[in-house]
PDB file of N, CA and C in Angstrom:
ATOM      1  N   MET A   1     -29.820  -5.716   1.603  1.00  0.00           N
ATOM      2  CA  MET A   1     -28.903  -5.965   0.561  1.00  0.00           C
ATOM      3  C   MET A   1     -28.825  -7.474   0.327  1.00  0.00           C
ATOM      4  N   ASN A   2     -28.325  -8.030  -0.887  1.00  0.00           N
ATOM      5  CA  ASN A   2     -27.994  -9.154  -0.805  1.00  0.00           C
ATOM      6  C   ASN A   2     -26.713  -9.333  -1.238  1.00  0.00           C
ATOM      7  N   VAL A   3     -25.835 -10.519  -1.283  1.00  0.00           N
ATOM      8  CA  VAL A   3     -24.489 -10.719  -0.986  1.00  0.00           C
ATOM      9  C   VAL A   3     -24.058 -10.093  -2.680  1.00  0.00           C
ATOM     10  N   PHE A   4     -24.794 -10.775  -3.483  1.00  0.00           N
ATOM     11  CA  PHE A   4     -24.392 -10.129  -4.972  1.00  0.00           C
ATOM     12  C   PHE A   4     -24.118  -8.321  -4.962  1.00  0.00           C
ATOM     13  N   ARG A   5     -25.292  -7.880  -4.722  1.00  0.00           N
ATOM     14  CA  ARG A   5     -25.152  -6.374  -4.545  1.00  0.00           C
ATOM     15  C   ARG A   5     -23.939  -5.803  -4.072  1.00  0.00           C
ATOM     16  N   ALA A   6     -24.017  -6.541  -2.633  1.00  0.00           N
ATOM     17  CA  ALA A   6     -22.640  -5.898  -1.928  1.00  0.00           C
ATOM     18  C   ALA A   6     -21.532  -6.161  -2.464  1.00  0.00           C
ATOM     19  N   ALA A   7     -21.385  -7.158  -3.178  1.00  0.00           N
ATOM     20  CA  ALA A   7     -20.300  -7.472  -3.671  1.00  0.00           C
ATOM     21  C   ALA A   7     -19.786  -6.535  -4.957  1.00  0.00           C
ATOM     22  N   LEU A   8     -20.587  -6.114  -5.766  1.00  0.00           N
ATOM     23  CA  LEU A   8     -20.886  -5.016  -6.645  1.00  0.00           C
ATOM     24  C   LEU A   8     -20.403  -3.483  -5.990  1.00  0.00           C
ATOM     25  N   SER A   9     -20.489  -3.295  -4.544  1.00  0.00           N
ATOM     26  CA  SER A   9     -20.203  -1.905  -4.190  1.00  0.00           C
ATOM     27  C   SER A   9     -18.976  -1.349  -4.088  1.00  0.00           C
ATOM     28  N   ARG A  10     -19.136   0.033  -4.152  1.00  0.00           N
ATOM     29  CA  ARG A  10     -17.582   0.239  -4.328  1.00  0.00           C
ATOM     30  C   ARG A  10     -16.919   0.320  -3.033  1.00  0.00           C
ATOM     31  N   ASP A  11     -17.591   0.354  -1.836  1.00  0.00           N
ATOM     32  CA  ASP A  11     -16.725   0.387  -0.628  1.00  0.00           C
ATOM     33  C   ASP A  11     -16.490  -1.061  -0.176  1.00  0.00           C
ATOM     34  N   PHE A  12     -16.925  -2.060  -0.833  1.00  0.00           N
ATOM     35  CA  PHE A  12     -16.792  -3.505  -0.787  1.00  0.00           C
ATOM     36  C   PHE A  12     -15.144  -3.778  -1.269  1.00  0.00           C
ATOM     37  N   TRP A  13     -15.013  -3.050  -2.611  1.00  0.00           N
ATOM     38  CA  TRP A  13     -14.027  -3.176  -3.195  1.00  0.00           C
ATOM     39  C   TRP A  13     -12.531  -2.500  -2.819  1.00  0.00           C
ATOM     40  N   ILE A  14     -13.101  -1.278  -2.060  1.00  0.00           N
ATOM     41  CA  ILE A  14     -12.311  -0.595  -1.619  1.00  0.00           C
ATOM     42  C   ILE A  14     -11.451  -0.983  -0.330  1.00  0.00           C
ATOM     43  N   THR A  15     -12.436  -1.699   0.525  1.00  0.00           N
ATOM     44  CA  THR A  15     -11.733  -2.437   2.106  1.00  0.00           C
ATOM     45  C   THR A  15     -11.200  -3.645   1.098  1.00  0.00           C
ATOM     46  N   GLY A  16     -11.065  -4.173   0.398  1.00  0.00           N
ATOM     47  CA  GLY A  16     -10.618  -5.608  -0.134  1.00  0.00           C
ATOM     48  C   GLY A  16      -9.075  -5.318  -0.586  1.00  0.00           C
ATOM     49  N   ILE A  17      -8.886  -3.890  -1.246  1.00  0.00           N
ATOM     50  CA  ILE A  17      -7.887  -3.247  -1.873  1.00  0.00           C
ATOM     51  C   ILE A  17      -6.638  -3.061  -0.909  1.00  0.00           C
ATOM     52  N   ALA A  18      -7.568  -2.280   0.573  1.00  0.00           N
ATOM     53  CA  ALA A  18      -7.112  -1.929   1.607  1.00  0.00           C
ATOM     54  C   ALA A  18      -6.227  -3.465   2.405  1.00  0.00           C
ATOM     55  N   ILE A  19      -6.882  -4.044   2.366  1.00  0.00           N
ATOM     56  CA  ILE A  19      -6.416  -5.280   3.002  1.00  0.00           C
ATOM     57  C   ILE A  19      -5.349  -5.910   2.297  1.00  0.00           C
ATOM     58  N   ALA A  20      -5.581  -5.968   0.985  1.00  0.00           N
ATOM     59  CA  ALA A  20      -4.443  -6.709   0.131  1.00  0.00           C
ATOM     60  C   ALA A  20      -2.920  -5.610   0.172  1.00  0.00           C
ATOM     61  N   ARG A  21      -3.272  -4.499   0.293  1.00  0.00           N
ATOM     62  CA  ARG A  21      -2.189  -3.508   0.462  1.00  0.00           C
ATOM     63  C   ARG A  21      -1.634  -3.885   1.620  1.00  0.00           C
ATOM     64  N   TYR A  22      -1.822  -4.107   2.583  1.00  0.00           N
ATOM     65  CA  TYR A  22      -1.566  -4.484   3.793  1.00  0.00           C
ATOM     66  C   TYR A  22      -1.059  -5.214   4.213  1.00  0.00           C
ATOM     67  N   ILE A  23      -1.238  -6.496   3.568  1.00  0.00           N
ATOM     68  CA  ILE A  23      -0.434  -7.827   3.809  1.00  0.00           C
ATOM     69  C   ILE A  23       0.738  -8.050   3.534  1.00  0.00           C
ATOM     70  N   PRO A  24       1.506  -7.631   2.767  1.00  0.00           N
ATOM     71  CA  PRO A  24       2.707  -7.484   2.563  1.00  0.00           C
ATOM     72  C   PRO A  24       3.481  -6.685   3.444  1.00  0.00           C
ATOM     73  N   ARG A  25       3.012  -5.854   4.321  1.00  0.00           N
ATOM     74  CA  ARG A  25       3.618  -4.930   5.196  1.00  0.00           C
ATOM     75  C   ARG A  25       3.788  -5.502   6.573  1.00  0.00           C
ATOM     76  N   ALA A  26       2.613  -6.475   6.800  1.00  0.00           N
ATOM     77  CA  ALA A  26       2.167  -7.236   7.765  1.00  0.00           C
ATOM     78  C   ALA A  26       3.511  -8.011   8.008  1.00  0.00           C
ATOM     79  N   PHE A  27       4.178  -8.683   7.111  1.00  0.00           N
ATOM     80  CA  PHE A  27       5.020  -9.443   7.175  1.00  0.00           C
ATOM     81  C   PHE A  27       6.497  -8.761   7.467  1.00  0.00           C
ATOM     82  N   ARG A  28       6.466  -7.778   6.868  1.00  0.00           N
ATOM     83  CA  ARG A  28       7.926  -6.929   7.015  1.00  0.00           C
ATOM     84  C   ARG A  28       8.228  -6.161   8.363  1.00  0.00           C
ATOM     85  N   THR A  29       7.014  -6.024   8.932  1.00  0.00           N
ATOM     86  CA  THR A  29       7.030  -5.121  10.384  1.00  0.00           C
ATOM     87  C   THR A  29       7.785  -5.998  11.526  1.00  0.00           C
ATOM     88  N   LYS A  30       8.629  -5.122  12.343  1.00  0.00           N
ATOM     89  CA  LYS A  30       9.696  -5.438  12.962  1.00  0.00           C
ATOM     90  C   LYS A  30       8.775  -6.068  14.311  1.00  0.00           C
ATOM     91  N   GLN A  31       8.596  -6.984  14.732  1.00  0.00           N
ATOM     92  CA  GLN A  31       8.040  -7.505  16.340  1.00  0.00           C
ATOM     93  C   GLN A  31       8.654  -6.811  17.491  1.00  0.00           C
ATOM     94  N   ILE A  32       7.700  -6.618  18.327  1.00  0.00           N
ATOM     95  CA  ILE A  32       7.991  -5.591  19.637  1.00  0.00           C
ATOM     96  C   ILE A  32       8.177  -6.447  20.641  1.00  0.00           C
ATOM     97  N   ASP A  33       8.932  -6.622  21.748  1.00  0.00           N
ATOM     98  CA  ASP A  33       9.041  -7.389  22.808  1.00  0.00           C
ATOM     99  C   ASP A  33       8.085  -6.649  23.825  1.00  0.00           C
ATOM    100  N   GLY A  34       6.925  -7.523  24.108  1.00  0.00           N
ATOM    101  CA  GLY A  34       5.844  -6.688  24.951  1.00  0.00           C
ATOM    102  C   GLY A  34       6.454  -6.322  26.305  1.00  0.00           C
ATOM    103  N   ASN A  35       7.355  -7.300  26.953  1.00  0.00           N
ATOM    104  CA  ASN A  35       7.937  -7.032  28.300  1.00  0.00           C
ATOM    105  C   ASN A  35       8.482  -5.770  28.484  1.00  0.00           C
ATOM    106  N   LEU A  36       8.824  -5.202  27.212  1.00  0.00           N
ATOM    107  CA  LEU A  36       9.815  -3.945  27.485  1.00  0.00           C
ATOM    108  C   LEU A  36       8.657  -2.992  28.019  1.00  0.00           C
ATOM    109  N   PHE A  37       7.460  -3.014  27.827  1.00  0.00           N
ATOM    110  CA  PHE A  37       6.511  -2.276  28.520  1.00  0.00           C
ATOM    111  C   PHE A  37       6.410  -2.076  29.964  1.00  0.00           C
ATOM    112  N   PHE A  38       7.225  -3.024  30.773  1.00  0.00           N
ATOM    113  CA  PHE A  38       6.860  -3.120  32.145  1.00  0.00           C
ATOM    114  C   PHE A  38       8.188  -3.045  32.809  1.00  0.00           C
ATOM    115  N   THR A  39       9.201  -2.396  32.127  1.00  0.00           N
ATOM    116  CA  THR A  39      10.727  -1.923  32.658  1.00  0.00           C
ATOM    117  C   THR A  39      10.226  -0.700  33.768  1.00  0.00           C
ATOM    118  N   GLU A  40      11.462  -0.956  34.569  1.00  0.00           N
ATOM    119  CA  GLU A  40      11.376   0.492  35.395  1.00  0.00           C
ATOM    120  C   GLU A  40      11.316   1.717  35.009  1.00  0.00           C
ATOM    121  N   GLN A  41      12.377   1.666  34.117  1.00  0.00           N
ATOM    122  CA  GLN A  41      12.640   2.963  33.070  1.00  0.00           C
ATOM    123  C   GLN A  41      11.070   3.496  32.446  1.00  0.00           C
ATOM    124  N   LYS A  42      10.683   2.264  31.932  1.00  0.00           N
ATOM    125  CA  LYS A  42       9.063   2.876  31.332  1.00  0.00           C
ATOM    126  C   LYS A  42       8.100   3.115  32.312  1.00  0.00           C
ATOM    127  N   ARG A  43       8.069   2.823  33.114  1.00  0.00           N
ATOM    128  CA  ARG A  43       7.302   3.017  34.153  1.00  0.00           C
ATOM    129  C   ARG A  43       7.335   4.500  34.793  1.00  0.00           C
ATOM    130  N   GLN A  44       8.859   4.682  34.989  1.00  0.00           N
ATOM    131  CA  GLN A  44       8.822   6.271  35.213  1.00  0.00           C
ATOM    132  C   GLN A  44       8.638   7.264  34.152  1.00  0.00           C
ATOM    133  N   GLU A  45       8.832   6.526  33.080  1.00  0.00           N
ATOM    134  CA  GLU A  45       8.438   7.544  31.817  1.00  0.00           C
ATOM    135  C   GLU A  45       6.950   8.112  31.898  1.00  0.00           C
ATOM    136  N   TYR A  46       6.219   6.946  32.127  1.00  0.00           N
ATOM    137  CA  TYR A  46       4.978   7.015  32.145  1.00  0.00           C
ATOM    138  C   TYR A  46       4.190   7.840  33.120  1.00  0.00           C
ATOM    139  N   ARG A  47       4.985   7.436  34.267  1.00  0.00           N
ATOM    140  CA  ARG A  47       4.807   8.512  35.431  1.00  0.00           C
ATOM    141  C   ARG A  47       4.829   9.767  35.498  1.00  0.00           C
ATOM    142  N   ARG A  48       5.919  10.383  34.646  1.00  0.00           N
ATOM    143  CA  ARG A  48       6.538  11.906  34.276  1.00  0.00           C
ATOM    144  C   ARG A  48       5.548  12.230  33.470  1.00  0.00           C
ATOM    145  N   ARG A  49       5.078  11.557  32.408  1.00  0.00           N
ATOM    146  CA  ARG A  49       3.920  11.969  31.296  1.00  0.00           C
ATOM    147  C   ARG A  49       2.539  12.131  31.713  1.00  0.00           C
ATOM    148  N   VAL A  50       2.472  11.376  32.909  1.00  0.00           N
ATOM    149  CA  VAL A  50       0.754  11.641  33.265  1.00  0.00           C
ATOM    150  C   VAL A  50       0.929  12.993  34.465  1.00  0.00           C
ATOM    151  N   GLU A  51       1.788  12.631  35.094  1.00  0.00           N
ATOM    152  CA  GLU A  51       2.006  13.959  36.069  1.00  0.00           C
ATOM    153  C   GLU A  51       2.404  15.163  35.354  1.00  0.00           C
ATOM    154  N   SER A  52       2.738  15.317  34.336  1.00  0.00           N
ATOM    155  CA  SER A  52       2.529  16.560  33.324  1.00  0.00           C
ATOM    156  C   SER A  52       1.451  17.043  32.806  1.00  0.00           C
ATOM    157  N   LEU A  53       0.384  16.292  32.696  1.00  0.00           N
ATOM    158  CA  LEU A  53      -0.601  16.444  32.141  1.00  0.00           C
ATOM    159  C   LEU A  53      -1.347  17.964  33.127  1.00  0.00           C
ATOM    160  N   LYS A  54      -1.934  18.574  32.584  1.00  0.00           N
ATOM    161  CA  LYS A  54      -2.978  19.687  33.304  1.00  0.00           C
ATOM    162  C   LYS A  54      -4.397  19.475  32.730  1.00  0.00           C
ATOM    163  N   GLN A  55      -5.190  20.342  33.492  1.00  0.00           N
ATOM    164  CA  GLN A  55      -6.573  20.065  32.876  1.00  0.00           C
ATOM    165  C   GLN A  55      -6.635  20.772  31.959  1.00  0.00           C
ATOM    166  N   ASP A  56      -5.722  21.550  31.221  1.00  0.00           N
ATOM    167  CA  ASP A  56      -6.121  22.333  29.865  1.00  0.00           C
ATOM    168  C   ASP A  56      -5.269  21.757  28.887  1.00  0.00           C
ATOM    169  N   SER A  57      -4.547  20.556  29.215  1.00  0.00           N
ATOM    170  CA  SER A  57      -3.795  20.033  27.888  1.00  0.00           C
ATOM    171  C   SER A  57      -4.232  19.330  26.728  1.00  0.00           C
ATOM    172  N   LEU A  58      -3.768  19.677  25.827  1.00  0.00           N
ATOM    173  CA  LEU A  58      -4.396  19.862  24.244  1.00  0.00           C
ATOM    174  C   LEU A  58      -4.843  18.255  24.037  1.00  0.00           C
ATOM    175  N   ARG A  59      -5.848  17.889  23.469  1.00  0.00           N
ATOM    176  CA  ARG A  59      -6.015  16.489  23.187  1.00  0.00           C
ATOM    177  C   ARG A  59      -5.434  16.107  22.009  1.00  0.00           C
ATOM    178  N   ARG A  60      -5.050  14.732  22.171  1.00  0.00           N
ATOM    179  CA  ARG A  60      -3.945  14.002  20.805  1.00  0.00           C
ATOM    180  C   ARG A  60      -5.118  12.972  20.631  1.00  0.00           C
ATOM    181  N   TRP A  61      -5.782  12.188  21.401  1.00  0.00           N
ATOM    182  CA  TRP A  61      -5.945  11.024  20.581  1.00  0.00           C
ATOM    183  C   TRP A  61      -7.660  11.145  20.847  1.00  0.00           C
ATOM    184  N   GLY A  62      -8.477  11.646  20.143  1.00  0.00           N
ATOM    185  CA  GLY A  62      -9.802  11.764  19.651  1.00  0.00           C
ATOM    186  C   GLY A  62     -10.501  13.107  20.672  1.00  0.00           C
ATOM    187  N   ILE A  63     -11.489  12.633  21.022  1.00  0.00           N
ATOM    188  CA  ILE A  63     -12.175  13.919  21.754  1.00  0.00           C
ATOM    189  C   ILE A  63     -12.358  13.698  23.474  1.00  0.00           C
ATOM    190  N   MET A  64     -11.663  12.986  23.817  1.00  0.00           N
ATOM    191  CA  MET A  64     -11.621  12.895  25.707  1.00  0.00           C
ATOM    192  C   MET A  64     -10.895  13.978  26.432  1.00  0.00           C
ATOM    193  N   GLU A  65     -11.631  14.227  27.081  1.00  0.00           N
ATOM    194  CA  GLU A  65     -10.798  15.426  28.038  1.00  0.00           C
ATOM    195  C   GLU A  65      -9.553  14.824  28.767  1.00  0.00           C
ATOM    196  N   VAL A  66      -8.839  15.426  29.558  1.00  0.00           N
ATOM    197  CA  VAL A  66      -7.728  14.784  30.451  1.00  0.00           C
ATOM    198  C   VAL A  66      -7.979  13.633  31.304  1.00  0.00           C
ATOM    199  N   ASP A  67      -9.336  14.393  32.069  1.00  0.00           N
ATOM    200  CA  ASP A  67      -9.717  13.647  33.133  1.00  0.00           C
ATOM    201  C   ASP A  67     -10.443  11.980  32.757  1.00  0.00           C
ATOM    202  N   GLN A  68     -11.219  12.316  31.639  1.00  0.00           N
ATOM    203  CA  GLN A  68     -12.043  10.816  30.947  1.00  0.00           C
ATOM    204  C   GLN A  68     -10.747  10.284  30.551  1.00  0.00           C
ATOM    205  N   MET A  69      -9.460  10.436  29.892  1.00  0.00           N
ATOM    206  CA  MET A  69      -8.697   9.805  29.350  1.00  0.00           C
ATOM    207  C   MET A  69      -8.021   8.825  30.694  1.00  0.00           C
ATOM    208  N   LEU A  70      -7.616   9.593  31.491  1.00  0.00           N
ATOM    209  CA  LEU A  70      -7.130   8.875  32.763  1.00  0.00           C
ATOM    210  C   LEU A  70      -8.090   7.973  33.655  1.00  0.00           C
ATOM    211  N   HIS A  71      -9.547   8.277  33.535  1.00  0.00           N
ATOM    212  CA  HIS A  71     -10.258   6.995  33.864  1.00  0.00           C
ATOM    213  C   HIS A  71     -10.387   6.330  33.335  1.00  0.00           C
ATOM    214  N   HIS A  72     -10.660   6.330  31.819  1.00  0.00           N
ATOM    215  CA  HIS A  72     -10.153   5.042  30.678  1.00  0.00           C
ATOM    216  C   HIS A  72      -8.830   4.308  31.082  1.00  0.00           C
ATOM    217  N   LEU A  73      -7.804   4.913  31.314  1.00  0.00           N
ATOM    218  CA  LEU A  73      -6.165   4.488  31.005  1.00  0.00           C
ATOM    219  C   LEU A  73      -6.626   3.547  32.626  1.00  0.00           C
ATOM    220  N   ASN A  74      -7.222   4.024  33.695  1.00  0.00           N
ATOM    221  CA  ASN A  74      -7.268   3.461  34.673  1.00  0.00           C
ATOM    222  C   ASN A  74      -7.767   2.170  34.815  1.00  0.00           C
ATOM    223  N   LEU A  75      -9.325   2.460  34.201  1.00  0.00           N
ATOM    224  CA  LEU A  75      -9.916   0.842  34.155  1.00  0.00           C
ATOM    225  C   LEU A  75      -9.303  -0.346  33.346  1.00  0.00           C
ATOM    226  N   ALA A  76      -8.918   0.350  32.348  1.00  0.00           N
ATOM    227  CA  ALA A  76      -8.271  -0.547  31.571  1.00  0.00           C
ATOM    228  C   ALA A  76      -6.862  -1.344  31.729  1.00  0.00           C
ATOM    229  N   CYS A  77      -6.110  -0.569  32.351  1.00  0.00           N
ATOM    230  CA  CYS A  77      -4.925  -1.207  33.056  1.00  0.00           C
ATOM    231  C   CYS A  77      -5.159  -1.984  34.475  1.00  0.00           C
ATOM    232  N   GLY A  78      -6.102  -1.259  35.138  1.00  0.00           N
ATOM    233  CA  GLY A  78      -6.527  -1.883  36.505  1.00  0.00           C
ATOM    234  C   GLY A  78      -7.393  -3.283  36.018  1.00  0.00           C
ATOM    235  N   GLY A  79      -8.280  -3.136  35.144  1.00  0.00           N
ATOM    236  CA  GLY A  79      -8.892  -4.467  35.095  1.00  0.00           C
ATOM    237  C   GLY A  79      -8.129  -5.431  34.347  1.00  0.00           C
ATOM    238  N   SER A  80      -7.108  -5.088  33.642  1.00  0.00           N
ATOM    239  CA  SER A  80      -6.088  -6.340  32.905  1.00  0.00           C
ATOM    240  C   SER A  80      -5.417  -6.947  33.904  1.00  0.00           C
ATOM    241  N   GLN A  81      -4.932  -6.159  35.088  1.00  0.00           N
ATOM    242  CA  GLN A  81      -4.260  -6.516  36.258  1.00  0.00           C
ATOM    243  C   GLN A  81      -5.175  -7.168  37.376  1.00  0.00           C
ATOM    244  N   GLY A  82      -5.943  -7.075  37.221  1.00  0.00           N
ATOM    245  CA  GLY A  82      -6.932  -7.543  38.278  1.00  0.00           C
ATOM    246  C   GLY A  82      -7.469  -6.713  39.384  1.00  0.00           C
ATOM    247  N   PHE A  83      -6.988  -5.429  39.307  1.00  0.00           N
ATOM    248  CA  PHE A  83      -7.883  -4.709  40.513  1.00  0.00           C
ATOM    249  C   PHE A  83      -8.875  -4.483  40.343  1.00  0.00           C
ATOM    250  N   TYR A  84      -9.787  -4.442  39.300  1.00  0.00           N
ATOM    251  CA  TYR A  84     -11.079  -4.117  39.022  1.00  0.00           C
ATOM    252  C   TYR A  84     -11.750  -5.588  38.486  1.00  0.00           C
ATOM    253  N   ALA A  85     -12.733  -5.927  39.042  1.00  0.00           N
ATOM    254  CA  ALA A  85     -13.650  -6.878  38.337  1.00  0.00           C
ATOM    255  C   ALA A  85     -14.652  -6.388  37.534  1.00  0.00           C
ATOM    256  N   LEU A  86     -14.337  -6.044  36.030  1.00  0.00           N
ATOM    257  CA  LEU A  86     -15.142  -5.353  35.058  1.00  0.00           C
ATOM    258  C   LEU A  86     -16.074  -6.633  34.425  1.00  0.00           C
ATOM    259  N   PRO A  87     -17.200  -6.288  33.912  1.00  0.00           N
ATOM    260  CA  PRO A  87     -18.092  -7.227  33.654  1.00  0.00           C
ATOM    261  C   PRO A  87     -17.422  -7.607  32.167  1.00  0.00           C
ATOM    262  N   ASP A  88     -17.772  -8.913  31.522  1.00  0.00           N
ATOM    263  CA  ASP A  88     -17.250  -9.373  30.144  1.00  0.00           C
ATOM    264  C   ASP A  88     -18.355  -8.916  29.341  1.00  0.00           C
ATOM    265  N   GLU A  89     -18.274  -7.988  28.442  1.00  0.00           N
ATOM    266  CA  GLU A  89     -19.388  -7.495  27.642  1.00  0.00           C
ATOM    267  C   GLU A  89     -19.282  -7.777  25.859  1.00  0.00           C
ATOM    268  N   SER A  90     -18.145  -8.813  26.153  1.00  0.00           N
ATOM    269  CA  SER A  90     -17.955  -9.308  24.486  1.00  0.00           C
ATOM    270  C   SER A  90     -19.059 -10.488  24.135  1.00  0.00           C
ATOM    271  N   TYR A  91     -18.792 -10.742  22.650  1.00  0.00           N
ATOM    272  CA  TYR A  91     -19.949 -12.124  22.500  1.00  0.00           C
ATOM    273  C   TYR A  91     -18.839 -13.123  21.894  1.00  0.00           C
ATOM    274  N   LEU A  92     -19.741 -14.222  21.585  1.00  0.00           N
ATOM    275  CA  LEU A  92     -18.884 -15.490  20.920  1.00  0.00           C
ATOM    276  C   LEU A  92     -18.248 -15.440  19.996  1.00  0.00           C
ATOM    277  N   ILE A  93     -18.552 -14.411  18.871  1.00  0.00           N
ATOM    278  CA  ILE A  93     -17.808 -14.294  17.506  1.00  0.00           C
ATOM    279  C   ILE A  93     -16.706 -12.789  18.036  1.00  0.00           C
ATOM    280  N   SER A  94     -17.056 -12.046  18.884  1.00  0.00           N
ATOM    281  CA  SER A  94     -15.665 -11.224  19.027  1.00  0.00           C
ATOM    282  C   SER A  94     -14.804 -12.161  19.890  1.00  0.00           C
ATOM    283  N   ARG A  95     -14.845 -12.848  20.586  1.00  0.00           N
ATOM    284  CA  ARG A  95     -13.939 -13.699  21.450  1.00  0.00           C
ATOM    285  C   ARG A  95     -13.311 -14.848  20.755  1.00  0.00           C
ATOM    286  N   THR A  96     -13.765 -15.275  19.682  1.00  0.00           N
ATOM    287  CA  THR A  96     -13.266 -16.348  18.852  1.00  0.00           C
ATOM    288  C   THR A  96     -12.476 -15.884  17.734  1.00  0.00           C
ATOM    289  N   LEU A  97     -13.124 -14.929  16.894  1.00  0.00           N
ATOM    290  CA  LEU A  97     -12.845 -14.139  15.556  1.00  0.00           C
ATOM    291  C   LEU A  97     -11.857 -13.019  15.646  1.00  0.00           C
ATOM    292  N   PHE A  98     -11.866 -12.448  16.792  1.00  0.00           N
ATOM    293  CA  PHE A  98     -10.744 -11.104  16.620  1.00  0.00           C
ATOM    294  C   PHE A  98      -9.722 -11.082  17.854  1.00  0.00           C
ATOM    295  N   LYS A  99      -9.395 -12.150  18.252  1.00  0.00           N
ATOM    296  CA  LYS A  99      -8.162 -12.495  18.861  1.00  0.00           C
ATOM    297  C   LYS A  99      -6.828 -12.034  18.183  1.00  0.00           C
TER     298      LYS A  99
END
């Protein structure tokens, strides 16, 4: 599909409208202090929430089962904190544009 035909498509304009509507909200959103995530009180809260999970707990975010979700969180958090050496599967464009 050439660029001109893509600019006439309905999806192109709907996406542009969604982006234009989001921009004013982005400036009004209150910033969150990321260090609050690592307080002892929050750590205990996260631990209580994980310990309260059961094998038959209802899904809340997508299609993962409880054990899949815990494995995913374990890799994500452990990889970012240096417990695991996960391979870098990103590519140049994603590392530069999507920061």
